């Protein structure tokens, strides 16, 4: 099924907060891991 241009744009904008949340979540996991490795 073909989507109209407006639906694609709205869908893309709706996913931006999700991508930012996932990026921050992954970044925090790596920060905690690197801190615990350097501390020990």
N, C-alpha and C. Protein backbone atom coordinates (compact mmCIF):
# COMPACT_ATOMS: atom_id res chain seq x y z
N UNK A 1 0.84 -1.21 0.00
CA UNK A 1 0.00 0.00 0.00
C UNK A 1 0.87 1.25 0.00
N UNK A 2 0.55 2.18 -0.87
CA UNK A 2 1.32 3.42 -0.98
C UNK A 2 0.82 4.43 0.05
N UNK A 3 1.77 5.10 0.69
CA UNK A 3 1.42 6.13 1.67
C UNK A 3 1.57 7.50 1.03
N UNK A 4 0.72 8.44 1.47
CA UNK A 4 0.85 9.81 0.98
C UNK A 4 2.05 10.48 1.64
N UNK A 5 2.55 11.52 1.04
CA UNK A 5 3.75 12.19 1.54
C UNK A 5 3.55 12.71 2.96
N UNK A 6 2.36 13.25 3.24
CA UNK A 6 2.10 13.80 4.58
C UNK A 6 2.14 12.70 5.64
N UNK A 7 1.61 11.51 5.32
CA UNK A 7 1.63 10.41 6.29
C UNK A 7 3.07 9.98 6.57
N UNK A 8 3.91 9.96 5.55
CA UNK A 8 5.31 9.59 5.73
C UNK A 8 6.02 10.60 6.63
N UNK A 9 5.78 11.90 6.38
CA UNK A 9 6.41 12.96 7.18
C UNK A 9 5.95 12.88 8.63
N UNK A 10 4.63 12.73 8.84
CA UNK A 10 4.08 12.63 10.21
C UNK A 10 4.65 11.40 10.91
N UNK A 11 4.72 10.29 10.20
CA UNK A 11 5.29 9.07 10.78
C UNK A 11 6.74 9.24 11.16
N UNK A 12 7.51 9.91 10.31
CA UNK A 12 8.92 10.16 10.60
C UNK A 12 9.09 11.06 11.81
N UNK A 13 8.28 12.12 11.90
CA UNK A 13 8.36 13.02 13.05
C UNK A 13 7.95 12.31 14.33
N UNK A 14 6.97 11.41 14.24
CA UNK A 14 6.50 10.68 15.42
C UNK A 14 7.59 9.74 15.95
N UNK A 15 8.49 9.28 15.09
CA UNK A 15 9.53 8.34 15.51
C UNK A 15 10.76 9.04 16.09
N UNK A 16 10.90 10.35 15.88
CA UNK A 16 12.09 11.06 16.37
C UNK A 16 12.23 10.93 17.89
N UNK A 17 11.19 11.19 18.70
CA UNK A 17 11.34 11.04 20.16
C UNK A 17 11.72 9.61 20.57
N UNK A 18 11.19 8.61 19.84
CA UNK A 18 11.51 7.21 20.14
C UNK A 18 12.98 6.95 19.90
N UNK A 19 13.51 7.46 18.77
CA UNK A 19 14.92 7.27 18.43
C UNK A 19 15.81 7.96 19.46
N UNK A 20 15.44 9.18 19.88
CA UNK A 20 16.21 9.92 20.88
C UNK A 20 16.22 9.15 22.20
N UNK A 21 15.05 8.62 22.60
CA UNK A 21 14.96 7.85 23.85
C UNK A 21 15.85 6.62 23.79
N UNK A 22 15.79 5.87 22.69
CA UNK A 22 16.62 4.67 22.55
C UNK A 22 18.10 5.03 22.57
N UNK A 23 18.48 6.11 21.88
CA UNK A 23 19.88 6.54 21.83
C UNK A 23 20.38 6.88 23.22
N UNK A 24 19.59 7.64 23.98
CA UNK A 24 19.98 8.01 25.35
C UNK A 24 20.06 6.79 26.24
N UNK A 25 19.13 5.86 26.09
CA UNK A 25 19.10 4.64 26.90
C UNK A 25 20.37 3.81 26.65
N UNK A 26 20.75 3.63 25.39
CA UNK A 26 21.95 2.87 25.03
C UNK A 26 23.20 3.60 25.53
N UNK A 27 23.23 4.91 25.37
CA UNK A 27 24.39 5.70 25.79
C UNK A 27 24.61 5.57 27.30
N UNK A 28 23.54 5.63 28.09
CA UNK A 28 23.65 5.49 29.54
C UNK A 28 24.18 4.11 29.91
N UNK A 29 23.71 3.08 29.21
CA UNK A 29 24.20 1.71 29.48
C UNK A 29 25.70 1.62 29.24
N UNK A 30 26.19 2.21 28.16
CA UNK A 30 27.61 2.16 27.85
C UNK A 30 28.41 2.99 28.84
N UNK A 31 27.85 4.14 29.27
CA UNK A 31 28.55 4.99 30.24
C UNK A 31 28.73 4.25 31.56
N UNK A 32 27.69 3.58 32.02
CA UNK A 32 27.75 2.83 33.28
C UNK A 32 28.79 1.71 33.15
N UNK A 33 28.78 1.02 32.02
CA UNK A 33 29.72 -0.09 31.80
C UNK A 33 31.17 0.41 31.80
N UNK A 34 31.43 1.51 31.12
CA UNK A 34 32.80 2.04 31.04
C UNK A 34 33.28 2.56 32.40
N UNK A 35 32.38 3.15 33.18
CA UNK A 35 32.73 3.66 34.51
C UNK A 35 33.08 2.51 35.44
N UNK A 36 32.30 1.44 35.41
CA UNK A 36 32.55 0.30 36.31
C UNK A 36 33.84 -0.40 35.92
N UNK A 37 34.17 -0.44 34.63
CA UNK A 37 35.41 -1.08 34.19
C UNK A 37 36.63 -0.28 34.62
N UNK A 38 36.55 1.05 34.53
CA UNK A 38 37.69 1.89 34.90
C UNK A 38 37.87 1.94 36.41
N UNK A 39 36.78 1.79 37.17
CA UNK A 39 36.84 1.86 38.63
C UNK A 39 37.50 0.61 39.21
N UNK A 40 37.24 -0.54 38.62
CA UNK A 40 37.77 -1.79 39.16
C UNK A 40 39.24 -1.99 38.79
